[in-house]
PDB file of N, CA and C in Angstrom:
ATOM      1  N   GLN A   1     -19.212  -7.542   3.919  1.00  0.00           N
ATOM      2  CA  GLN A   1     -18.747  -6.220   3.477  1.00  0.00           C
ATOM      3  C   GLN A   1     -17.225  -6.177   3.574  1.00  0.00           C
ATOM      4  N   VAL A   2     -16.593  -5.823   2.485  1.00  0.00           N
ATOM      5  CA  VAL A   2     -15.141  -5.764   2.459  1.00  0.00           C
ATOM      6  C   VAL A   2     -14.675  -4.447   3.072  1.00  0.00           C
ATOM      7  N   GLN A   3     -13.711  -4.537   3.958  1.00  0.00           N
ATOM      8  CA  GLN A   3     -13.105  -3.335   4.535  1.00  0.00           C
ATOM      9  C   GLN A   3     -11.596  -3.439   4.455  1.00  0.00           C
ATOM     10  N   LEU A   4     -10.972  -2.368   4.028  1.00  0.00           N
ATOM     11  CA  LEU A   4      -9.523  -2.229   4.044  1.00  0.00           C
ATOM     12  C   LEU A   4      -9.205  -1.013   4.897  1.00  0.00           C
ATOM     13  N   VAL A   5      -8.482  -1.228   5.971  1.00  0.00           N
ATOM     14  CA  VAL A   5      -8.198  -0.151   6.914  1.00  0.00           C
ATOM     15  C   VAL A   5      -6.692   0.059   7.007  1.00  0.00           C
ATOM     16  N   GLU A   6      -6.265   1.227   6.535  1.00  0.00           N
ATOM     17  CA  GLU A   6      -4.842   1.560   6.583  1.00  0.00           C
ATOM     18  C   GLU A   6      -4.489   2.260   7.884  1.00  0.00           C
ATOM     19  N   SER A   7      -3.273   2.076   8.298  1.00  0.00           N
ATOM     20  CA  SER A   7      -2.725   2.793   9.456  1.00  0.00           C
ATOM     21  C   SER A   7      -1.219   2.865   9.290  1.00  0.00           C
ATOM     22  N   GLY A   8      -0.600   3.691  10.134  1.00  0.00           N
ATOM     23  CA  GLY A   8       0.856   3.726  10.133  1.00  0.00           C
ATOM     24  C   GLY A   8       1.473   4.838   9.319  1.00  0.00           C
ATOM     25  N   GLY A   9       0.651   5.718   8.775  1.00  0.00           N
ATOM     26  CA  GLY A   9       1.218   6.890   8.119  1.00  0.00           C
ATOM     27  C   GLY A   9       1.686   7.888   9.156  1.00  0.00           C
ATOM     28  N   GLY A  10       2.113   9.055   8.683  1.00  0.00           N
ATOM     29  CA  GLY A  10       2.549  10.079   9.633  1.00  0.00           C
ATOM     30  C   GLY A  10       3.503  11.062   9.015  1.00  0.00           C
ATOM     31  N   LEU A  11       4.137  11.826   9.889  1.00  0.00           N
ATOM     32  CA  LEU A  11       5.116  12.838   9.470  1.00  0.00           C
ATOM     33  C   LEU A  11       6.514  12.319   9.765  1.00  0.00           C
ATOM     34  N   VAL A  12       7.378  12.400   8.781  1.00  0.00           N
ATOM     35  CA  VAL A  12       8.740  11.918   8.940  1.00  0.00           C
ATOM     36  C   VAL A  12       9.690  12.849   8.195  1.00  0.00           C
ATOM     37  N   GLN A  13      10.895  12.948   8.665  1.00  0.00           N
ATOM     38  CA  GLN A  13      11.892  13.782   7.997  1.00  0.00           C
ATOM     39  C   GLN A  13      12.466  13.067   6.777  1.00  0.00           C
ATOM     40  N   PRO A  14      12.982  13.818   5.823  1.00  0.00           N
ATOM     41  CA  PRO A  14      13.643  13.185   4.664  1.00  0.00           C
ATOM     42  C   PRO A  14      14.725  12.221   5.133  1.00  0.00           C
ATOM     43  N   GLY A  15      14.750  11.052   4.482  1.00  0.00           N
ATOM     44  CA  GLY A  15      15.683  10.006   4.876  1.00  0.00           C
ATOM     45  C   GLY A  15      15.139   9.043   5.904  1.00  0.00           C
ATOM     46  N   GLY A  16      13.989   9.357   6.455  1.00  0.00           N
ATOM     47  CA  GLY A  16      13.392   8.528   7.487  1.00  0.00           C
ATOM     48  C   GLY A  16      12.607   7.354   6.915  1.00  0.00           C
ATOM     49  N   SER A  17      11.954   6.617   7.820  1.00  0.00           N
ATOM     50  CA  SER A  17      11.210   5.412   7.445  1.00  0.00           C
ATOM     51  C   SER A  17       9.821   5.411   8.052  1.00  0.00           C
ATOM     52  N   LEU A  18       8.915   4.751   7.359  1.00  0.00           N
ATOM     53  CA  LEU A  18       7.573   4.485   7.866  1.00  0.00           C
ATOM     54  C   LEU A  18       7.153   3.100   7.386  1.00  0.00           C
ATOM     55  N   ARG A  19       6.207   2.520   8.092  1.00  0.00           N
ATOM     56  CA  ARG A  19       5.705   1.206   7.695  1.00  0.00           C
ATOM     57  C   ARG A  19       4.179   1.177   7.806  1.00  0.00           C
ATOM     58  N   PRO A  20       3.502   1.719   6.808  1.00  0.00           N
ATOM     59  CA  PRO A  20       2.040   1.617   6.836  1.00  0.00           C
ATOM     60  C   PRO A  20       1.590   0.166   6.719  1.00  0.00           C
ATOM     61  N   SER A  21       0.417  -0.098   7.287  1.00  0.00           N
ATOM     62  CA  SER A  21      -0.180  -1.419   7.170  1.00  0.00           C
ATOM     63  C   SER A  21      -1.638  -1.287   6.753  1.00  0.00           C
ATOM     64  N   CYS A  22      -2.169  -2.360   6.219  1.00  0.00           N
ATOM     65  CA  CYS A  22      -3.553  -2.392   5.754  1.00  0.00           C
ATOM     66  C   CYS A  22      -4.180  -3.696   6.213  1.00  0.00           C
ATOM     67  N   ALA A  23      -5.174  -3.587   7.062  1.00  0.00           N
ATOM     68  CA  ALA A  23      -5.877  -4.764   7.571  1.00  0.00           C
ATOM     69  C   ALA A  23      -7.148  -4.975   6.762  1.00  0.00           C
ATOM     70  N   ALA A  24      -7.317  -6.172   6.250  1.00  0.00           N
ATOM     71  CA  ALA A  24      -8.464  -6.496   5.408  1.00  0.00           C
ATOM     72  C   ALA A  24      -9.448  -7.383   6.145  1.00  0.00           C
ATOM     73  N   SER A  25     -10.720  -7.192   5.856  1.00  0.00           N
ATOM     74  CA  SER A  25     -11.776  -8.051   6.397  1.00  0.00           C
ATOM     75  C   SER A  25     -12.863  -8.200   5.351  1.00  0.00           C
ATOM     76  N   GLY A  26     -13.605  -9.292   5.449  1.00  0.00           N
ATOM     77  CA  GLY A  26     -14.699  -9.520   4.514  1.00  0.00           C
ATOM     78  C   GLY A  26     -14.260  -9.996   3.153  1.00  0.00           C
ATOM     79  N   ILE A  27     -13.007 -10.412   3.037  1.00  0.00           N
ATOM     80  CA  ILE A  27     -12.468 -10.846   1.752  1.00  0.00           C
ATOM     81  C   ILE A  27     -11.577 -12.058   2.001  1.00  0.00           C
ATOM     82  N   LEU A  28     -11.494 -12.957   1.010  1.00  0.00           N
ATOM     83  CA  LEU A  28     -10.574 -14.077   1.125  1.00  0.00           C
ATOM     84  C   LEU A  28      -9.179 -13.536   0.852  1.00  0.00           C
ATOM     85  N   PHE A  29      -8.522 -13.087   1.905  1.00  0.00           N
ATOM     86  CA  PHE A  29      -7.281 -12.328   1.769  1.00  0.00           C
ATOM     87  C   PHE A  29      -6.197 -13.132   1.057  1.00  0.00           C
ATOM     88  N   SER A  30      -6.040 -14.382   1.434  1.00  0.00           N
ATOM     89  CA  SER A  30      -4.937 -15.178   0.887  1.00  0.00           C
ATOM     90  C   SER A  30      -5.060 -15.378  -0.618  1.00  0.00           C
ATOM     91  N   ALA A  31      -6.252 -15.234  -1.145  1.00  0.00           N
ATOM     92  CA  ALA A  31      -6.485 -15.417  -2.582  1.00  0.00           C
ATOM     93  C   ALA A  31      -6.574 -14.091  -3.318  1.00  0.00           C
ATOM     94  N   SER A  32      -6.280 -13.007  -2.645  1.00  0.00           N
ATOM     95  CA  SER A  32      -6.394 -11.675  -3.231  1.00  0.00           C
ATOM     96  C   SER A  32      -5.028 -11.083  -3.526  1.00  0.00           C
ATOM     97  N   ASP A  33      -4.941 -10.386  -4.653  1.00  0.00           N
ATOM     98  CA  ASP A  33      -3.755  -9.590  -4.948  1.00  0.00           C
ATOM     99  C   ASP A  33      -3.897  -8.270  -4.196  1.00  0.00           C
ATOM    100  N   MET A  34      -2.832  -7.846  -3.547  1.00  0.00           N
ATOM    101  CA  MET A  34      -2.873  -6.629  -2.736  1.00  0.00           C
ATOM    102  C   MET A  34      -1.895  -5.596  -3.271  1.00  0.00           C
ATOM    103  N   GLY A  35      -2.250  -4.345  -3.091  1.00  0.00           N
ATOM    104  CA  GLY A  35      -1.367  -3.301  -3.599  1.00  0.00           C
ATOM    105  C   GLY A  35      -1.439  -2.037  -2.781  1.00  0.00           C
ATOM    106  N   TRP A  36      -0.426  -1.226  -2.963  1.00  0.00           N
ATOM    107  CA  TRP A  36      -0.382   0.129  -2.411  1.00  0.00           C
ATOM    108  C   TRP A  36      -0.296   1.114  -3.579  1.00  0.00           C
ATOM    109  N   TYR A  37      -1.147   2.115  -3.516  1.00  0.00           N
ATOM    110  CA  TYR A  37      -1.135   3.230  -4.450  1.00  0.00           C
ATOM    111  C   TYR A  37      -0.951   4.512  -3.652  1.00  0.00           C
ATOM    112  N   ARG A  38      -0.655   5.594  -4.360  1.00  0.00           N
ATOM    113  CA  ARG A  38      -0.566   6.869  -3.661  1.00  0.00           C
ATOM    114  C   ARG A  38      -1.140   7.969  -4.536  1.00  0.00           C
ATOM    115  N   GLN A  39      -1.591   9.009  -3.870  1.00  0.00           N
ATOM    116  CA  GLN A  39      -2.138  10.159  -4.590  1.00  0.00           C
ATOM    117  C   GLN A  39      -1.756  11.421  -3.848  1.00  0.00           C
ATOM    118  N   ALA A  40      -1.024  12.267  -4.541  1.00  0.00           N
ATOM    119  CA  ALA A  40      -0.652  13.575  -4.001  1.00  0.00           C
ATOM    120  C   ALA A  40      -1.631  14.617  -4.527  1.00  0.00           C
ATOM    121  N   PRO A  41      -1.794  15.724  -3.828  1.00  0.00           N
ATOM    122  CA  PRO A  41      -2.727  16.762  -4.279  1.00  0.00           C
ATOM    123  C   PRO A  41      -2.419  17.209  -5.705  1.00  0.00           C
ATOM    124  N   GLY A  42      -3.451  17.210  -6.543  1.00  0.00           N
ATOM    125  CA  GLY A  42      -3.285  17.659  -7.915  1.00  0.00           C
ATOM    126  C   GLY A  42      -2.722  16.610  -8.854  1.00  0.00           C
ATOM    127  N   ASN A  43      -2.403  15.440  -8.298  1.00  0.00           N
ATOM    128  CA  ASN A  43      -1.810  14.370  -9.119  1.00  0.00           C
ATOM    129  C   ASN A  43      -2.781  13.198  -9.254  1.00  0.00           C
ATOM    130  N   GLN A  44      -2.548  12.394 -10.265  1.00  0.00           N
ATOM    131  CA  GLN A  44      -3.341  11.184 -10.420  1.00  0.00           C
ATOM    132  C   GLN A  44      -2.855  10.118  -9.446  1.00  0.00           C
ATOM    133  N   ARG A  45      -3.758   9.201  -9.145  1.00  0.00           N
ATOM    134  CA  ARG A  45      -3.374   8.065  -8.315  1.00  0.00           C
ATOM    135  C   ARG A  45      -2.374   7.210  -9.089  1.00  0.00           C
ATOM    136  N   GLU A  46      -1.326   6.766  -8.398  1.00  0.00           N
ATOM    137  CA  GLU A  46      -0.309   5.969  -9.074  1.00  0.00           C
ATOM    138  C   GLU A  46       0.048   4.747  -8.258  1.00  0.00           C
ATOM    139  N   LEU A  47       0.418   3.709  -8.959  1.00  0.00           N
ATOM    140  CA  LEU A  47       0.816   2.460  -8.322  1.00  0.00           C
ATOM    141  C   LEU A  47       2.151   2.641  -7.615  1.00  0.00           C
ATOM    142  N   VAL A  48       2.233   2.088  -6.407  1.00  0.00           N
ATOM    143  CA  VAL A  48       3.503   2.069  -5.683  1.00  0.00           C
ATOM    144  C   VAL A  48       4.091   0.657  -5.723  1.00  0.00           C
ATOM    145  N   ALA A  49       3.298  -0.315  -5.284  1.00  0.00           N
ATOM    146  CA  ALA A  49       3.782  -1.697  -5.213  1.00  0.00           C
ATOM    147  C   ALA A  49       2.593  -2.634  -5.148  1.00  0.00           C
ATOM    148  N   ILE A  50       2.783  -3.829  -5.686  1.00  0.00           N
ATOM    149  CA  ILE A  50       1.753  -4.848  -5.595  1.00  0.00           C
ATOM    150  C   ILE A  50       2.391  -6.168  -5.182  1.00  0.00           C
ATOM    151  N   ILE A  51       1.569  -6.995  -4.539  1.00  0.00           N
ATOM    152  CA  ILE A  51       2.007  -8.344  -4.183  1.00  0.00           C
ATOM    153  C   ILE A  51       0.859  -9.289  -4.499  1.00  0.00           C
ATOM    154  N   SER A  52       1.152 -10.294  -5.297  1.00  0.00           N
ATOM    155  CA  SER A  52       0.113 -11.216  -5.714  1.00  0.00           C
ATOM    156  C   SER A  52      -0.250 -12.174  -4.584  1.00  0.00           C
ATOM    157  N   SER A  53      -1.316 -12.916  -4.800  1.00  0.00           N
ATOM    158  CA  SER A  53      -1.702 -13.911  -3.799  1.00  0.00           C
ATOM    159  C   SER A  53      -0.601 -14.949  -3.614  1.00  0.00           C
ATOM    160  N   GLY A  54       0.200 -15.140  -4.636  1.00  0.00           N
ATOM    161  CA  GLY A  54       1.295 -16.091  -4.548  1.00  0.00           C
ATOM    162  C   GLY A  54       2.583 -15.507  -4.024  1.00  0.00           C
ATOM    163  N   GLY A  55       2.590 -14.195  -3.765  1.00  0.00           N
ATOM    164  CA  GLY A  55       3.768 -13.556  -3.186  1.00  0.00           C
ATOM    165  C   GLY A  55       4.675 -12.853  -4.170  1.00  0.00           C
ATOM    166  N   THR A  56       4.319 -12.830  -5.438  1.00  0.00           N
ATOM    167  CA  THR A  56       5.128 -12.108  -6.424  1.00  0.00           C
ATOM    168  C   THR A  56       4.935 -10.612  -6.245  1.00  0.00           C
ATOM    169  N   THR A  57       6.042  -9.879  -6.271  1.00  0.00           N
ATOM    170  CA  THR A  57       5.982  -8.436  -6.053  1.00  0.00           C
ATOM    171  C   THR A  57       6.408  -7.668  -7.294  1.00  0.00           C
ATOM    172  N   ASN A  58       5.855  -6.475  -7.418  1.00  0.00           N
ATOM    173  CA  ASN A  58       6.250  -5.538  -8.461  1.00  0.00           C
ATOM    174  C   ASN A  58       6.213  -4.141  -7.884  1.00  0.00           C
ATOM    175  N   TYR A  59       7.125  -3.299  -8.354  1.00  0.00           N
ATOM    176  CA  TYR A  59       7.255  -1.948  -7.813  1.00  0.00           C
ATOM    177  C   TYR A  59       7.299  -0.908  -8.927  1.00  0.00           C
ATOM    178  N   ALA A  60       6.831   0.287  -8.598  1.00  0.00           N
ATOM    179  CA  ALA A  60       6.980   1.404  -9.513  1.00  0.00           C
ATOM    180  C   ALA A  60       8.454   1.775  -9.623  1.00  0.00           C
ATOM    181  N   ASP A  61       8.833   2.341 -10.754  1.00  0.00           N
ATOM    182  CA  ASP A  61      10.235   2.698 -10.969  1.00  0.00           C
ATOM    183  C   ASP A  61      10.740   3.673  -9.907  1.00  0.00           C
ATOM    184  N   PHE A  62       9.889   4.577  -9.448  1.00  0.00           N
ATOM    185  CA  PHE A  62      10.358   5.600  -8.513  1.00  0.00           C
ATOM    186  C   PHE A  62      10.688   5.019  -7.138  1.00  0.00           C
ATOM    187  N   VAL A  63      10.275   3.782  -6.867  1.00  0.00           N
ATOM    188  CA  VAL A  63      10.605   3.159  -5.581  1.00  0.00           C
ATOM    189  C   VAL A  63      12.110   2.932  -5.476  1.00  0.00           C
ATOM    190  N   GLN A  64      12.724   2.497  -6.553  1.00  0.00           N
ATOM    191  CA  GLN A  64      14.196   2.377  -6.641  1.00  0.00           C
ATOM    192  C   GLN A  64      14.805   1.631  -5.456  1.00  0.00           C
ATOM    193  N   GLY A  65      14.179   0.549  -5.037  1.00  0.00           N
ATOM    194  CA  GLY A  65      14.726  -0.273  -3.966  1.00  0.00           C
ATOM    195  C   GLY A  65      14.508   0.265  -2.570  1.00  0.00           C
ATOM    196  N   ARG A  66      13.757   1.338  -2.421  1.00  0.00           N
ATOM    197  CA  ARG A  66      13.561   1.943  -1.108  1.00  0.00           C
ATOM    198  C   ARG A  66      12.393   1.334  -0.341  1.00  0.00           C
ATOM    199  N   PHE A  67      11.415   0.787  -1.057  1.00  0.00           N
ATOM    200  CA  PHE A  67      10.198   0.274  -0.417  1.00  0.00           C
ATOM    201  C   PHE A  67      10.128  -1.242  -0.570  1.00  0.00           C
ATOM    202  N   THR A  68       9.470  -1.888   0.399  1.00  0.00           N
ATOM    203  CA  THR A  68       9.232  -3.329   0.335  1.00  0.00           C
ATOM    204  C   THR A  68       7.790  -3.616   0.732  1.00  0.00           C
ATOM    205  N   ILE A  69       7.067  -4.291  -0.144  1.00  0.00           N
ATOM    206  CA  ILE A  69       5.709  -4.712   0.166  1.00  0.00           C
ATOM    207  C   ILE A  69       5.755  -6.155   0.656  1.00  0.00           C
ATOM    208  N   SER A  70       4.940  -6.438   1.669  1.00  0.00           N
ATOM    209  CA  SER A  70       4.881  -7.799   2.204  1.00  0.00           C
ATOM    210  C   SER A  70       3.460  -8.064   2.702  1.00  0.00           C
ATOM    211  N   ARG A  71       3.168  -9.327   2.923  1.00  0.00           N
ATOM    212  CA  ARG A  71       1.841  -9.682   3.396  1.00  0.00           C
ATOM    213  C   ARG A  71       1.937 -10.762   4.459  1.00  0.00           C
ATOM    214  N   ASP A  72       0.969 -10.736   5.364  1.00  0.00           N
ATOM    215  CA  ASP A  72       0.845 -11.762   6.393  1.00  0.00           C
ATOM    216  C   ASP A  72      -0.565 -12.324   6.270  1.00  0.00           C
ATOM    217  N   ASN A  73      -0.691 -13.458   5.632  1.00  0.00           N
ATOM    218  CA  ASN A  73      -2.016 -14.014   5.394  1.00  0.00           C
ATOM    219  C   ASN A  73      -2.699 -14.451   6.693  1.00  0.00           C
ATOM    220  N   ALA A  74      -1.923 -14.779   7.697  1.00  0.00           N
ATOM    221  CA  ALA A  74      -2.517 -15.167   8.982  1.00  0.00           C
ATOM    222  C   ALA A  74      -3.195 -13.981   9.660  1.00  0.00           C
ATOM    223  N   LYS A  75      -2.704 -12.781   9.358  1.00  0.00           N
ATOM    224  CA  LYS A  75      -3.259 -11.564   9.975  1.00  0.00           C
ATOM    225  C   LYS A  75      -4.109 -10.762   8.987  1.00  0.00           C
ATOM    226  N   ASN A  76      -4.257 -11.264   7.773  1.00  0.00           N
ATOM    227  CA  ASN A  76      -5.006 -10.534   6.733  1.00  0.00           C
ATOM    228  C   ASN A  76      -4.495  -9.105   6.578  1.00  0.00           C
ATOM    229  N   THR A  77      -3.190  -8.962   6.556  1.00  0.00           N
ATOM    230  CA  THR A  77      -2.583  -7.634   6.560  1.00  0.00           C
ATOM    231  C   THR A  77      -1.469  -7.550   5.520  1.00  0.00           C
ATOM    232  N   VAL A  78      -1.413  -6.404   4.862  1.00  0.00           N
ATOM    233  CA  VAL A  78      -0.340  -6.110   3.928  1.00  0.00           C
ATOM    234  C   VAL A  78       0.407  -4.885   4.451  1.00  0.00           C
ATOM    235  N   TYR A  79       1.706  -4.891   4.255  1.00  0.00           N
ATOM    236  CA  TYR A  79       2.580  -3.835   4.770  1.00  0.00           C
ATOM    237  C   TYR A  79       3.342  -3.178   3.624  1.00  0.00           C
ATOM    238  N   LEU A  80       3.780  -1.948   3.891  1.00  0.00           N
ATOM    239  CA  LEU A  80       4.682  -1.265   2.967  1.00  0.00           C
ATOM    240  C   LEU A  80       5.794  -0.633   3.786  1.00  0.00           C
ATOM    241  N   GLN A  81       6.939  -1.269   3.786  1.00  0.00           N
ATOM    242  CA  GLN A  81       8.108  -0.711   4.464  1.00  0.00           C
ATOM    243  C   GLN A  81       8.728   0.337   3.559  1.00  0.00           C
ATOM    244  N   MET A  82       8.779   1.558   4.032  1.00  0.00           N
ATOM    245  CA  MET A  82       9.293   2.666   3.228  1.00  0.00           C
ATOM    246  C   MET A  82      10.528   3.238   3.914  1.00  0.00           C
ATOM    247  N   ASN A  83      11.656   3.161   3.243  1.00  0.00           N
ATOM    248  CA  ASN A  83      12.913   3.686   3.755  1.00  0.00           C
ATOM    249  C   ASN A  83      13.420   4.806   2.853  1.00  0.00           C
ATOM    250  N   SER A  84      14.355   5.562   3.350  1.00  0.00           N
ATOM    251  CA  SER A  84      14.973   6.648   2.571  1.00  0.00           C
ATOM    252  C   SER A  84      13.910   7.535   1.933  1.00  0.00           C
ATOM    253  N   LEU A  85      12.953   7.939   2.727  1.00  0.00           N
ATOM    254  CA  LEU A  85      11.836   8.719   2.209  1.00  0.00           C
ATOM    255  C   LEU A  85      12.291  10.089   1.731  1.00  0.00           C
ATOM    256  N   LYS A  86      11.632  10.551   0.667  1.00  0.00           N
ATOM    257  CA  LYS A  86      11.924  11.834   0.060  1.00  0.00           C
ATOM    258  C   LYS A  86      10.684  12.734   0.177  1.00  0.00           C
ATOM    259  N   THR A  87      10.882  14.026   0.051  1.00  0.00           N
ATOM    260  CA  THR A  87       9.746  14.940   0.137  1.00  0.00           C
ATOM    261  C   THR A  87       8.702  14.626  -0.931  1.00  0.00           C
ATOM    262  N   GLU A  88       9.175  14.158  -2.077  1.00  0.00           N
ATOM    263  CA  GLU A  88       8.233  13.842  -3.161  1.00  0.00           C
ATOM    264  C   GLU A  88       7.423  12.569  -2.905  1.00  0.00           C
ATOM    265  N   ASP A  89       7.720  11.868  -1.834  1.00  0.00           N
ATOM    266  CA  ASP A  89       6.900  10.713  -1.451  1.00  0.00           C
ATOM    267  C   ASP A  89       5.649  11.131  -0.675  1.00  0.00           C
ATOM    268  N   THR A  90       5.546  12.399  -0.365  1.00  0.00           N
ATOM    269  CA  THR A  90       4.384  12.895   0.366  1.00  0.00           C
ATOM    270  C   THR A  90       3.117  12.664  -0.445  1.00  0.00           C
ATOM    271  N   ALA A  91       2.148  11.965   0.173  1.00  0.00           N
ATOM    272  CA  ALA A  91       0.901  11.622  -0.519  1.00  0.00           C
ATOM    273  C   ALA A  91      -0.012  10.878   0.449  1.00  0.00           C
ATOM    274  N   VAL A  92      -1.234  10.664   0.024  1.00  0.00           N
ATOM    275  CA  VAL A  92      -2.111   9.707   0.702  1.00  0.00           C
ATOM    276  C   VAL A  92      -1.829   8.340   0.093  1.00  0.00           C
ATOM    277  N   TYR A  93      -1.542   7.387   0.939  1.00  0.00           N
ATOM    278  CA  TYR A  93      -1.238   6.027   0.489  1.00  0.00           C
ATOM    279  C   TYR A  93      -2.478   5.167   0.709  1.00  0.00           C
ATOM    280  N   LEU A  94      -2.915   4.520  -0.367  1.00  0.00           N
ATOM    281  CA  LEU A  94      -4.152   3.757  -0.344  1.00  0.00           C
ATOM    282  C   LEU A  94      -3.889   2.272  -0.584  1.00  0.00           C
ATOM    283  N   CYS A  95      -4.609   1.472   0.154  1.00  0.00           N
ATOM    284  CA  CYS A  95      -4.530   0.023   0.017  1.00  0.00           C
ATOM    285  C   CYS A  95      -5.552  -0.440  -1.013  1.00  0.00           C
ATOM    286  N   ASN A  96      -5.172  -1.437  -1.773  1.00  0.00           N
ATOM    287  CA  ASN A  96      -6.015  -1.970  -2.846  1.00  0.00           C
ATOM    288  C   ASN A  96      -6.034  -3.490  -2.776  1.00  0.00           C
ATOM    289  N   ALA A  97      -7.211  -4.046  -2.994  1.00  0.00           N
ATOM    290  CA  ALA A  97      -7.345  -5.506  -3.054  1.00  0.00           C
ATOM    291  C   ALA A  97      -8.060  -5.874  -4.337  1.00  0.00           C
ATOM    292  N   VAL A  98      -7.568  -6.899  -4.999  1.00  0.00           N
ATOM    293  CA  VAL A  98      -8.193  -7.399  -6.226  1.00  0.00           C
ATOM    294  C   VAL A  98      -8.478  -8.878  -6.040  1.00  0.00           C
ATOM    295  N   ARG A  99      -9.754  -9.197  -6.151  1.00  0.00           N
ATOM    296  CA  ARG A  99     -10.168 -10.587  -6.008  1.00  0.00           C
ATOM    297  C   ARG A  99     -10.623 -11.074  -7.378  1.00  0.00           C
ATOM    298  N   ARG A 100      -9.926 -12.075  -7.896  1.00  0.00           N
ATOM    299  CA  ARG A 100     -10.204 -12.570  -9.254  1.00  0.00           C
ATOM    300  C   ARG A 100     -10.878 -13.934  -9.148  1.00  0.00           C
ATOM    301  N   THR A 101     -12.159 -13.933  -9.558  1.00  0.00           N
ATOM    302  CA  THR A 101     -12.875 -15.205  -9.667  1.00  0.00           C
ATOM    303  C   THR A 101     -13.490 -15.232 -11.063  1.00  0.00           C
ATOM    304  N   VAL A 102     -14.746 -15.504 -11.165  1.00  0.00           N
ATOM    305  CA  VAL A 102     -15.429 -15.393 -12.457  1.00  0.00           C
ATOM    306  C   VAL A 102     -15.445 -13.924 -12.876  1.00  0.00           C
ATOM    307  N   VAL A 103     -15.574 -13.069 -11.915  1.00  0.00           N
ATOM    308  CA  VAL A 103     -15.479 -11.628 -12.144  1.00  0.00           C
ATOM    309  C   VAL A 103     -14.311 -11.080 -11.341  1.00  0.00           C
ATOM    310  N   ILE A 104     -13.861  -9.903 -11.720  1.00  0.00           N
ATOM    311  CA  ILE A 104     -12.763  -9.240 -10.992  1.00  0.00           C
ATOM    312  C   ILE A 104     -13.374  -8.134 -10.150  1.00  0.00           C
ATOM    313  N   ARG A 105     -13.130  -8.177  -8.857  1.00  0.00           N
ATOM    314  CA  ARG A 105     -13.627  -7.143  -7.948  1.00  0.00           C
ATOM    315  C   ARG A 105     -12.444  -6.423  -7.325  1.00  0.00           C
ATOM    316  N   THR A 106     -12.541  -5.112  -7.295  1.00  0.00           N
ATOM    317  CA  THR A 106     -11.485  -4.263  -6.757  1.00  0.00           C
ATOM    318  C   THR A 106     -12.026  -3.468  -5.581  1.00  0.00           C
ATOM    319  N   TYR A 107     -11.222  -3.399  -4.531  1.00  0.00           N
ATOM    320  CA  TYR A 107     -11.616  -2.696  -3.317  1.00  0.00           C
ATOM    321  C   TYR A 107     -10.511  -1.720  -2.912  1.00  0.00           C
ATOM    322  N   TRP A 108     -10.932  -0.635  -2.268  1.00  0.00           N
ATOM    323  CA  TRP A 108      -9.987   0.407  -1.841  1.00  0.00           C
ATOM    324  C   TRP A 108     -10.206   0.748  -0.375  1.00  0.00           C
ATOM    325  N   GLY A 109      -9.117   1.082   0.281  1.00  0.00           N
ATOM    326  CA  GLY A 109      -9.197   1.639   1.610  1.00  0.00           C
ATOM    327  C   GLY A 109      -9.345   3.147   1.535  1.00  0.00           C
ATOM    328  N   GLN A 110      -9.435   3.768   2.720  1.00  0.00           N
ATOM    329  CA  GLN A 110      -9.612   5.230   2.780  1.00  0.00           C
ATOM    330  C   GLN A 110      -8.290   5.961   2.637  1.00  0.00           C
ATOM    331  N   GLY A 111      -7.207   5.295   2.923  1.00  0.00           N
ATOM    332  CA  GLY A 111      -5.899   5.912   2.774  1.00  0.00           C
ATOM    333  C   GLY A 111      -5.309   6.380   4.090  1.00  0.00           C
ATOM    334  N   THR A 112      -3.998   6.505   4.097  1.00  0.00           N
ATOM    335  CA  THR A 112      -3.276   7.037   5.242  1.00  0.00           C
ATOM    336  C   THR A 112      -2.280   8.085   4.732  1.00  0.00           C
ATOM    337  N   GLN A 113      -2.234   9.208   5.408  1.00  0.00           N
ATOM    338  CA  GLN A 113      -1.391  10.325   4.958  1.00  0.00           C
ATOM    339  C   GLN A 113       0.065  10.076   5.348  1.00  0.00           C
ATOM    340  N   VAL A 114       0.938  10.227   4.379  1.00  0.00           N
ATOM    341  CA  VAL A 114       2.382  10.200   4.612  1.00  0.00           C
ATOM    342  C   VAL A 114       2.939  11.558   4.210  1.00  0.00           C
ATOM    343  N   THR A 115       3.571  12.214   5.152  1.00  0.00           N
ATOM    344  CA  THR A 115       4.155  13.525   4.895  1.00  0.00           C
ATOM    345  C   THR A 115       5.642  13.475   5.211  1.00  0.00           C
ATOM    346  N   VAL A 116       6.449  13.803   4.215  1.00  0.00           N
ATOM    347  CA  VAL A 116       7.904  13.817   4.381  1.00  0.00           C
ATOM    348  C   VAL A 116       8.358  15.262   4.314  1.00  0.00           C
ATOM    349  N   SER A 117       8.807  15.761   5.436  1.00  0.00           N
ATOM    350  CA  SER A 117       9.163  17.176   5.517  1.00  0.00           C
ATOM    351  C   SER A 117      10.157  17.398   6.640  1.00  0.00           C
ATOM    352  N   SER A 118      11.033  18.369   6.415  1.00  0.00           N
ATOM    353  CA  SER A 118      11.982  18.739   7.474  1.00  0.00           C
ATOM    354  C   SER A 118      11.429  19.885   8.307  1.00  0.00           C
TER     355      SER A 118
END
């Protein structure tokens, strides 16, 4: 059974930093593409950042150099370093795993709340 467990969200003031993490189990992590998405109330889920199994990264335009996605294959964990946070970054941040073999399987975590407020 695949599990993605996020942690590390919280409340932070504008300009602050957070580093959510996502621990994966039940999946060949090193061969999986990992990503972070976010969903704010009333909004659609949107991509924040992805990192391929080979380490290639891509970011949404709104990240603008503020966030960094990374992975530790030894710990089966993906991180999202978020700096210079803005109030509009407030959302539930969800971890995503994509395992591509003969078929493509996608998995989601439950999410971690990030609230940016003064």
